[in-house]
PDB file of N, CA and C in Angstrom:
ATOM      1  N   MET A   1      -9.030  -7.466  -3.308  1.00  0.00           N
ATOM      2  CA  MET A   1      -7.628  -7.415  -3.630  1.00  0.00           C
ATOM      3  C   MET A   1      -7.260  -6.006  -4.076  1.00  0.00           C
ATOM      4  N   PRO A   2      -6.430  -5.329  -3.346  1.00  0.00           N
ATOM      5  CA  PRO A   2      -6.047  -3.969  -3.741  1.00  0.00           C
ATOM      6  C   PRO A   2      -5.182  -3.952  -5.004  1.00  0.00           C
ATOM      7  N   GLU A   3      -5.629  -3.201  -5.976  1.00  0.00           N
ATOM      8  CA  GLU A   3      -4.885  -3.040  -7.229  1.00  0.00           C
ATOM      9  C   GLU A   3      -3.803  -1.987  -7.019  1.00  0.00           C
ATOM     10  N   ILE A   4      -2.569  -2.329  -7.371  1.00  0.00           N
ATOM     11  CA  ILE A   4      -1.481  -1.358  -7.220  1.00  0.00           C
ATOM     12  C   ILE A   4      -0.955  -0.856  -8.556  1.00  0.00           C
ATOM     13  N   SER A   5      -1.272  -1.560  -9.651  1.00  0.00           N
ATOM     14  CA  SER A   5      -0.869  -1.093 -10.974  1.00  0.00           C
ATOM     15  C   SER A   5      -1.703  -1.793 -12.030  1.00  0.00           C
ATOM     16  N   ARG A   6      -1.772  -1.164 -13.207  1.00  0.00           N
ATOM     17  CA  ARG A   6      -2.492  -1.743 -14.344  1.00  0.00           C
ATOM     18  C   ARG A   6      -1.828  -1.236 -15.615  1.00  0.00           C
ATOM     19  N   PHE A   7      -1.506  -2.149 -16.520  1.00  0.00           N
ATOM     20  CA  PHE A   7      -0.891  -1.772 -17.790  1.00  0.00           C
ATOM     21  C   PHE A   7      -1.154  -2.856 -18.830  1.00  0.00           C
ATOM     22  N   PHE A   8      -1.440  -2.433 -20.062  1.00  0.00           N
ATOM     23  CA  PHE A   8      -1.683  -3.348 -21.184  1.00  0.00           C
ATOM     24  C   PHE A   8      -2.691  -4.449 -20.833  1.00  0.00           C
ATOM     25  N   GLY A   9      -3.683  -4.111 -20.021  1.00  0.00           N
ATOM     26  CA  GLY A   9      -4.701  -5.074 -19.626  1.00  0.00           C
ATOM     27  C   GLY A   9      -4.304  -5.995 -18.485  1.00  0.00           C
ATOM     28  N   ILE A  10      -3.098  -5.831 -17.952  1.00  0.00           N
ATOM     29  CA  ILE A  10      -2.599  -6.643 -16.839  1.00  0.00           C
ATOM     30  C   ILE A  10      -2.909  -5.910 -15.539  1.00  0.00           C
ATOM     31  N   ILE A  11      -3.453  -6.626 -14.574  1.00  0.00           N
ATOM     32  CA  ILE A  11      -3.777  -6.049 -13.270  1.00  0.00           C
ATOM     33  C   ILE A  11      -2.830  -6.644 -12.236  1.00  0.00           C
ATOM     34  N   ILE A  12      -2.199  -5.770 -11.445  1.00  0.00           N
ATOM     35  CA  ILE A  12      -1.260  -6.187 -10.407  1.00  0.00           C
ATOM     36  C   ILE A  12      -1.878  -5.905  -9.042  1.00  0.00           C
ATOM     37  N   THR A  13      -1.864  -6.916  -8.160  1.00  0.00           N
ATOM     38  CA  THR A  13      -2.431  -6.766  -6.826  1.00  0.00           C
ATOM     39  C   THR A  13      -1.493  -7.328  -5.765  1.00  0.00           C
ATOM     40  N   ILE A  14      -1.645  -6.811  -4.569  1.00  0.00           N
ATOM     41  CA  ILE A  14      -1.048  -7.407  -3.370  1.00  0.00           C
ATOM     42  C   ILE A  14      -2.184  -7.518  -2.365  1.00  0.00           C
ATOM     43  N   ASN A  15      -2.333  -8.682  -1.792  1.00  0.00           N
ATOM     44  CA  ASN A  15      -3.421  -8.931  -0.855  1.00  0.00           C
ATOM     45  C   ASN A  15      -2.996  -8.656   0.580  1.00  0.00           C
ATOM     46  N   TYR A  16      -3.962  -8.235   1.375  1.00  0.00           N
ATOM     47  CA  TYR A  16      -3.742  -8.107   2.811  1.00  0.00           C
ATOM     48  C   TYR A  16      -3.772  -9.493   3.437  1.00  0.00           C
ATOM     49  N   ARG A  17      -3.069  -9.651   4.548  1.00  0.00           N
ATOM     50  CA  ARG A  17      -3.047 -10.900   5.323  1.00  0.00           C
ATOM     51  C   ARG A  17      -2.607 -12.101   4.494  1.00  0.00           C
ATOM     52  N   GLU A  18      -1.628 -11.899   3.632  1.00  0.00           N
ATOM     53  CA  GLU A  18      -1.091 -12.984   2.811  1.00  0.00           C
ATOM     54  C   GLU A  18       0.027 -13.698   3.550  1.00  0.00           C
ATOM     55  N   HIS A  19       0.338 -14.863   3.082  1.00  0.00           N
ATOM     56  CA  HIS A  19       1.420 -15.688   3.630  1.00  0.00           C
ATOM     57  C   HIS A  19       2.769 -15.231   3.079  1.00  0.00           C
ATOM     58  N   GLU A  20       3.829 -15.629   3.732  1.00  0.00           N
ATOM     59  CA  GLU A  20       5.181 -15.401   3.225  1.00  0.00           C
ATOM     60  C   GLU A  20       5.417 -16.361   2.067  1.00  0.00           C
ATOM     61  N   ALA A  21       6.290 -16.219   1.228  1.00  0.00           N
ATOM     62  CA  ALA A  21       7.253 -15.158   0.999  1.00  0.00           C
ATOM     63  C   ALA A  21       6.563 -13.974   0.315  1.00  0.00           C
ATOM     64  N   PRO A  22       7.147 -12.775   0.474  1.00  0.00           N
ATOM     65  CA  PRO A  22       6.556 -11.593  -0.153  1.00  0.00           C
ATOM     66  C   PRO A  22       6.350 -11.800  -1.660  1.00  0.00           C
ATOM     67  N   HIS A  23       5.136 -11.523  -2.133  1.00  0.00           N
ATOM     68  CA  HIS A  23       4.800 -11.756  -3.529  1.00  0.00           C
ATOM     69  C   HIS A  23       3.666 -10.833  -3.955  1.00  0.00           C
ATOM     70  N   PHE A  24       3.425 -10.815  -5.265  1.00  0.00           N
ATOM     71  CA  PHE A  24       2.278 -10.100  -5.809  1.00  0.00           C
ATOM     72  C   PHE A  24       1.580 -11.005  -6.817  1.00  0.00           C
ATOM     73  N   HIS A  25       0.379 -10.600  -7.201  1.00  0.00           N
ATOM     74  CA  HIS A  25      -0.419 -11.345  -8.163  1.00  0.00           C
ATOM     75  C   HIS A  25      -0.570 -10.512  -9.427  1.00  0.00           C
ATOM     76  N   ALA A  26      -0.560 -11.184 -10.569  1.00  0.00           N
ATOM     77  CA  ALA A  26      -0.800 -10.528 -11.856  1.00  0.00           C
ATOM     78  C   ALA A  26      -1.904 -11.291 -12.569  1.00  0.00           C
ATOM     79  N   TRP A  27      -2.854 -10.559 -13.130  1.00  0.00           N
ATOM     80  CA  TRP A  27      -4.027 -11.126 -13.788  1.00  0.00           C
ATOM     81  C   TRP A  27      -4.087 -10.604 -15.215  1.00  0.00           C
ATOM     82  N   TYR A  28      -4.353 -11.502 -16.160  1.00  0.00           N
ATOM     83  CA  TYR A  28      -4.496 -11.090 -17.560  1.00  0.00           C
ATOM     84  C   TYR A  28      -5.302 -12.138 -18.316  1.00  0.00           C
ATOM     85  N   ALA A  29      -6.349 -11.721 -18.993  1.00  0.00           N
ATOM     86  CA  ALA A  29      -7.146 -12.574 -19.877  1.00  0.00           C
ATOM     87  C   ALA A  29      -7.561 -13.892 -19.218  1.00  0.00           C
ATOM     88  N   GLY A  30      -8.031 -13.805 -17.985  1.00  0.00           N
ATOM     89  CA  GLY A  30      -8.509 -14.983 -17.288  1.00  0.00           C
ATOM     90  C   GLY A  30      -7.431 -15.872 -16.689  1.00  0.00           C
ATOM     91  N   LYS A  31      -6.200 -15.481 -16.811  1.00  0.00           N
ATOM     92  CA  LYS A  31      -5.077 -16.236 -16.241  1.00  0.00           C
ATOM     93  C   LYS A  31      -4.445 -15.405 -15.130  1.00  0.00           C
ATOM     94  N   ASP A  32      -3.823 -16.091 -14.155  1.00  0.00           N
ATOM     95  CA  ASP A  32      -3.144 -15.342 -13.103  1.00  0.00           C
ATOM     96  C   ASP A  32      -1.873 -16.063 -12.690  1.00  0.00           C
ATOM     97  N   ILE A  33      -0.941 -15.250 -12.223  1.00  0.00           N
ATOM     98  CA  ILE A  33       0.325 -15.764 -11.702  1.00  0.00           C
ATOM     99  C   ILE A  33       0.621 -15.097 -10.367  1.00  0.00           C
ATOM    100  N   THR A  34       1.457 -15.745  -9.600  1.00  0.00           N
ATOM    101  CA  THR A  34       2.018 -15.184  -8.377  1.00  0.00           C
ATOM    102  C   THR A  34       3.505 -15.046  -8.616  1.00  0.00           C
ATOM    103  N   VAL A  35       4.057 -13.880  -8.289  1.00  0.00           N
ATOM    104  CA  VAL A  35       5.474 -13.607  -8.514  1.00  0.00           C
ATOM    105  C   VAL A  35       6.125 -13.263  -7.183  1.00  0.00           C
ATOM    106  N   ARG A  36       7.146 -14.003  -6.819  1.00  0.00           N
ATOM    107  CA  ARG A  36       7.883 -13.710  -5.583  1.00  0.00           C
ATOM    108  C   ARG A  36       8.729 -12.470  -5.818  1.00  0.00           C
ATOM    109  N   ILE A  37       8.630 -11.508  -4.906  1.00  0.00           N
ATOM    110  CA  ILE A  37       9.287 -10.214  -5.069  1.00  0.00           C
ATOM    111  C   ILE A  37      10.809 -10.341  -5.041  1.00  0.00           C
ATOM    112  N   ALA A  38      11.348 -11.190  -4.202  1.00  0.00           N
ATOM    113  CA  ALA A  38      12.803 -11.285  -4.041  1.00  0.00           C
ATOM    114  C   ALA A  38      13.522 -11.740  -5.303  1.00  0.00           C
ATOM    115  N   ASP A  39      12.942 -12.726  -6.007  1.00  0.00           N
ATOM    116  CA  ASP A  39      13.702 -13.309  -7.116  1.00  0.00           C
ATOM    117  C   ASP A  39      12.902 -13.498  -8.402  1.00  0.00           C
ATOM    118  N   GLY A  40      11.639 -13.100  -8.416  1.00  0.00           N
ATOM    119  CA  GLY A  40      10.832 -13.207  -9.620  1.00  0.00           C
ATOM    120  C   GLY A  40      10.353 -14.609  -9.948  1.00  0.00           C
ATOM    121  N   SER A  41      10.492 -15.556  -9.020  1.00  0.00           N
ATOM    122  CA  SER A  41      10.011 -16.906  -9.307  1.00  0.00           C
ATOM    123  C   SER A  41       8.486 -16.892  -9.400  1.00  0.00           C
ATOM    124  N   LEU A  42       7.944 -17.782 -10.229  1.00  0.00           N
ATOM    125  CA  LEU A  42       6.532 -17.740 -10.606  1.00  0.00           C
ATOM    126  C   LEU A  42       5.776 -18.986 -10.205  1.00  0.00           C
ATOM    127  N   ALA A  43       4.487 -18.795  -9.984  1.00  0.00           N
ATOM    128  CA  ALA A  43       3.534 -19.900  -9.864  1.00  0.00           C
ATOM    129  C   ALA A  43       2.317 -19.501 -10.681  1.00  0.00           C
ATOM    130  N   GLY A  44       1.766 -20.428 -11.442  1.00  0.00           N
ATOM    131  CA  GLY A  44       0.605 -20.147 -12.270  1.00  0.00           C
ATOM    132  C   GLY A  44       0.975 -20.053 -13.737  1.00  0.00           C
ATOM    133  N   GLU A  45      -0.018 -19.709 -14.557  1.00  0.00           N
ATOM    134  CA  GLU A  45       0.173 -19.626 -16.005  1.00  0.00           C
ATOM    135  C   GLU A  45      -0.372 -18.319 -16.544  1.00  0.00           C
ATOM    136  N   MET A  46       0.300 -17.828 -17.594  1.00  0.00           N
ATOM    137  CA  MET A  46      -0.112 -16.602 -18.260  1.00  0.00           C
ATOM    138  C   MET A  46       0.483 -16.619 -19.666  1.00  0.00           C
ATOM    139  N   GLN A  47      -0.172 -15.930 -20.596  1.00  0.00           N
ATOM    140  CA  GLN A  47       0.349 -15.832 -21.950  1.00  0.00           C
ATOM    141  C   GLN A  47       1.782 -15.297 -21.924  1.00  0.00           C
ATOM    142  N   ARG A  48       2.606 -15.802 -22.817  1.00  0.00           N
ATOM    143  CA  ARG A  48       4.047 -15.499 -22.833  1.00  0.00           C
ATOM    144  C   ARG A  48       4.343 -14.001 -22.886  1.00  0.00           C
ATOM    145  N   ARG A  49       3.673 -13.268 -23.758  1.00  0.00           N
ATOM    146  CA  ARG A  49       3.940 -11.824 -23.897  1.00  0.00           C
ATOM    147  C   ARG A  49       3.542 -11.074 -22.620  1.00  0.00           C
ATOM    148  N   ALA A  50       2.406 -11.404 -22.048  1.00  0.00           N
ATOM    149  CA  ALA A  50       1.976 -10.758 -20.805  1.00  0.00           C
ATOM    150  C   ALA A  50       2.954 -11.086 -19.682  1.00  0.00           C
ATOM    151  N   LEU A  51       3.401 -12.329 -19.619  1.00  0.00           N
ATOM    152  CA  LEU A  51       4.373 -12.730 -18.603  1.00  0.00           C
ATOM    153  C   LEU A  51       5.656 -11.917 -18.725  1.00  0.00           C
ATOM    154  N   ALA A  52       6.140 -11.729 -19.942  1.00  0.00           N
ATOM    155  CA  ALA A  52       7.353 -10.935 -20.156  1.00  0.00           C
ATOM    156  C   ALA A  52       7.163  -9.500 -19.670  1.00  0.00           C
ATOM    157  N   LEU A  53       5.984  -8.928 -19.913  1.00  0.00           N
ATOM    158  CA  LEU A  53       5.705  -7.566 -19.449  1.00  0.00           C
ATOM    159  C   LEU A  53       5.668  -7.491 -17.924  1.00  0.00           C
ATOM    160  N   VAL A  54       5.051  -8.483 -17.288  1.00  0.00           N
ATOM    161  CA  VAL A  54       4.999  -8.512 -15.827  1.00  0.00           C
ATOM    162  C   VAL A  54       6.410  -8.589 -15.246  1.00  0.00           C
ATOM    163  N   LEU A  55       7.247  -9.429 -15.808  1.00  0.00           N
ATOM    164  CA  LEU A  55       8.610  -9.572 -15.281  1.00  0.00           C
ATOM    165  C   LEU A  55       9.450  -8.321 -15.529  1.00  0.00           C
ATOM    166  N   GLU A  56       9.241  -7.665 -16.663  1.00  0.00           N
ATOM    167  CA  GLU A  56       9.924  -6.394 -16.914  1.00  0.00           C
ATOM    168  C   GLU A  56       9.505  -5.362 -15.868  1.00  0.00           C
ATOM    169  N   TRP A  57       8.209  -5.266 -15.592  1.00  0.00           N
ATOM    170  CA  TRP A  57       7.687  -4.335 -14.592  1.00  0.00           C
ATOM    171  C   TRP A  57       8.224  -4.678 -13.207  1.00  0.00           C
ATOM    172  N   TRP A  58       8.208  -5.982 -12.849  1.00  0.00           N
ATOM    173  CA  TRP A  58       8.739  -6.435 -11.549  1.00  0.00           C
ATOM    174  C   TRP A  58      10.190  -5.974 -11.381  1.00  0.00           C
ATOM    175  N   HIS A  59      10.996  -6.155 -12.409  1.00  0.00           N
ATOM    176  CA  HIS A  59      12.407  -5.785 -12.343  1.00  0.00           C
ATOM    177  C   HIS A  59      12.584  -4.290 -12.044  1.00  0.00           C
ATOM    178  N   LEU A  60      11.723  -3.469 -12.594  1.00  0.00           N
ATOM    179  CA  LEU A  60      11.808  -2.018 -12.398  1.00  0.00           C
ATOM    180  C   LEU A  60      11.302  -1.561 -11.033  1.00  0.00           C
ATOM    181  N   HIS A  61      10.455  -2.365 -10.379  1.00  0.00           N
ATOM    182  CA  HIS A  61       9.737  -1.881  -9.194  1.00  0.00           C
ATOM    183  C   HIS A  61       9.875  -2.782  -7.964  1.00  0.00           C
ATOM    184  N   ARG A  62      10.946  -3.547  -7.875  1.00  0.00           N
ATOM    185  CA  ARG A  62      11.080  -4.473  -6.746  1.00  0.00           C
ATOM    186  C   ARG A  62      11.063  -3.771  -5.393  1.00  0.00           C
ATOM    187  N   THR A  63      11.726  -2.633  -5.276  1.00  0.00           N
ATOM    188  CA  THR A  63      11.769  -1.907  -4.002  1.00  0.00           C
ATOM    189  C   THR A  63      10.379  -1.436  -3.605  1.00  0.00           C
ATOM    190  N   GLU A  64       9.638  -0.871  -4.556  1.00  0.00           N
ATOM    191  CA  GLU A  64       8.282  -0.400  -4.273  1.00  0.00           C
ATOM    192  C   GLU A  64       7.345  -1.563  -3.942  1.00  0.00           C
ATOM    193  N   LEU A  65       7.542  -2.692  -4.596  1.00  0.00           N
ATOM    194  CA  LEU A  65       6.730  -3.865  -4.310  1.00  0.00           C
ATOM    195  C   LEU A  65       6.961  -4.360  -2.887  1.00  0.00           C
ATOM    196  N   LEU A  66       8.207  -4.402  -2.466  1.00  0.00           N
ATOM    197  CA  LEU A  66       8.512  -4.839  -1.108  1.00  0.00           C
ATOM    198  C   LEU A  66       7.935  -3.859  -0.086  1.00  0.00           C
ATOM    199  N   GLU A  67       8.009  -2.585  -0.377  1.00  0.00           N
ATOM    200  CA  GLU A  67       7.408  -1.581   0.519  1.00  0.00           C
ATOM    201  C   GLU A  67       5.900  -1.807   0.628  1.00  0.00           C
ATOM    202  N   ASN A  68       5.237  -2.063  -0.496  1.00  0.00           N
ATOM    203  CA  ASN A  68       3.803  -2.327  -0.465  1.00  0.00           C
ATOM    204  C   ASN A  68       3.489  -3.618   0.281  1.00  0.00           C
ATOM    205  N   TRP A  69       4.330  -4.626   0.136  1.00  0.00           N
ATOM    206  CA  TRP A  69       4.129  -5.876   0.880  1.00  0.00           C
ATOM    207  C   TRP A  69       4.134  -5.588   2.387  1.00  0.00           C
ATOM    208  N   GLN A  70       5.108  -4.790   2.828  1.00  0.00           N
ATOM    209  CA  GLN A  70       5.217  -4.465   4.247  1.00  0.00           C
ATOM    210  C   GLN A  70       4.011  -3.654   4.713  1.00  0.00           C
ATOM    211  N   LEU A  71       3.534  -2.736   3.873  1.00  0.00           N
ATOM    212  CA  LEU A  71       2.320  -1.977   4.210  1.00  0.00           C
ATOM    213  C   LEU A  71       1.123  -2.917   4.351  1.00  0.00           C
ATOM    214  N   ALA A  72       0.984  -3.854   3.424  1.00  0.00           N
ATOM    215  CA  ALA A  72      -0.132  -4.794   3.475  1.00  0.00           C
ATOM    216  C   ALA A  72      -0.078  -5.652   4.733  1.00  0.00           C
ATOM    217  N   GLN A  73       1.106  -6.088   5.112  1.00  0.00           N
ATOM    218  CA  GLN A  73       1.248  -6.908   6.311  1.00  0.00           C
ATOM    219  C   GLN A  73       0.877  -6.138   7.570  1.00  0.00           C
ATOM    220  N   SER A  74       1.021  -4.813   7.505  1.00  0.00           N
ATOM    221  CA  SER A  74       0.661  -3.955   8.639  1.00  0.00           C
ATOM    222  C   SER A  74      -0.776  -3.450   8.548  1.00  0.00           C
ATOM    223  N   GLY A  75      -1.480  -3.819   7.486  1.00  0.00           N
ATOM    224  CA  GLY A  75      -2.862  -3.394   7.317  1.00  0.00           C
ATOM    225  C   GLY A  75      -3.017  -1.944   6.890  1.00  0.00           C
ATOM    226  N   LEU A  76      -1.974  -1.372   6.308  1.00  0.00           N
ATOM    227  CA  LEU A  76      -1.996   0.028   5.884  1.00  0.00           C
ATOM    228  C   LEU A  76      -2.330   0.144   4.401  1.00  0.00           C
ATOM    229  N   PRO A  77      -2.790   1.325   3.957  1.00  0.00           N
ATOM    230  CA  PRO A  77      -3.106   1.511   2.536  1.00  0.00           C
ATOM    231  C   PRO A  77      -1.872   1.297   1.654  1.00  0.00           C
ATOM    232  N   LEU A  78      -2.094   0.693   0.504  1.00  0.00           N
ATOM    233  CA  LEU A  78      -1.004   0.443  -0.435  1.00  0.00           C
ATOM    234  C   LEU A  78      -0.832   1.628  -1.367  1.00  0.00           C
ATOM    235  N   LYS A  79       0.375   1.763  -1.894  1.00  0.00           N
ATOM    236  CA  LYS A  79       0.701   2.843  -2.813  1.00  0.00           C
ATOM    237  C   LYS A  79       0.613   2.329  -4.255  1.00  0.00           C
ATOM    238  N   LYS A  80       0.092   3.152  -5.137  1.00  0.00           N
ATOM    239  CA  LYS A  80       0.067   2.822  -6.559  1.00  0.00           C
ATOM    240  C   LYS A  80       1.508   2.835  -7.093  1.00  0.00           C
ATOM    241  N   ILE A  81       1.782   1.962  -8.041  1.00  0.00           N
ATOM    242  CA  ILE A  81       3.095   1.882  -8.680  1.00  0.00           C
ATOM    243  C   ILE A  81       2.901   2.181 -10.170  1.00  0.00           C
ATOM    244  N   GLU A  82       3.810   2.958 -10.729  1.00  0.00           N
ATOM    245  CA  GLU A  82       3.737   3.359 -12.129  1.00  0.00           C
ATOM    246  C   GLU A  82       3.636   2.136 -13.044  1.00  0.00           C
ATOM    247  N   PRO A  83       2.779   2.211 -14.041  1.00  0.00           N
ATOM    248  CA  PRO A  83       2.678   1.118 -15.017  1.00  0.00           C
ATOM    249  C   PRO A  83       3.809   1.192 -16.043  1.00  0.00           C
ATOM    250  N   LEU A  84       3.923   0.144 -16.837  1.00  0.00           N
ATOM    251  CA  LEU A  84       4.818   0.202 -17.995  1.00  0.00           C
ATOM    252  C   LEU A  84       4.194   1.127 -19.032  1.00  0.00           C
ATOM    253  N   ASP A  85       5.025   1.785 -19.790  1.00  0.00           N
ATOM    254  CA  ASP A  85       4.530   2.666 -20.882  1.00  0.00           C
ATOM    255  C   ASP A  85       4.496   1.913 -22.180  1.00  0.00           C
TER     256      ASP A  85
END
């Protein structure tokens, strides 16, 4: 799973050859979620504070996430995205 960002112990990935709808994965403390890029809808479980950080980051980087999704679908290298400070 290609890592595209990491902040506060949260790892963000987008997988190659994934199914629609465009989404990314977030991992933290043994928990993981899937976040749909278009609207931020979630699947999975994560600690409340980590979830809030992931959604804040998603809101700031939706365009870059969609670009990375398209790169992954084409089998091209993904671009790193700035973490939260």
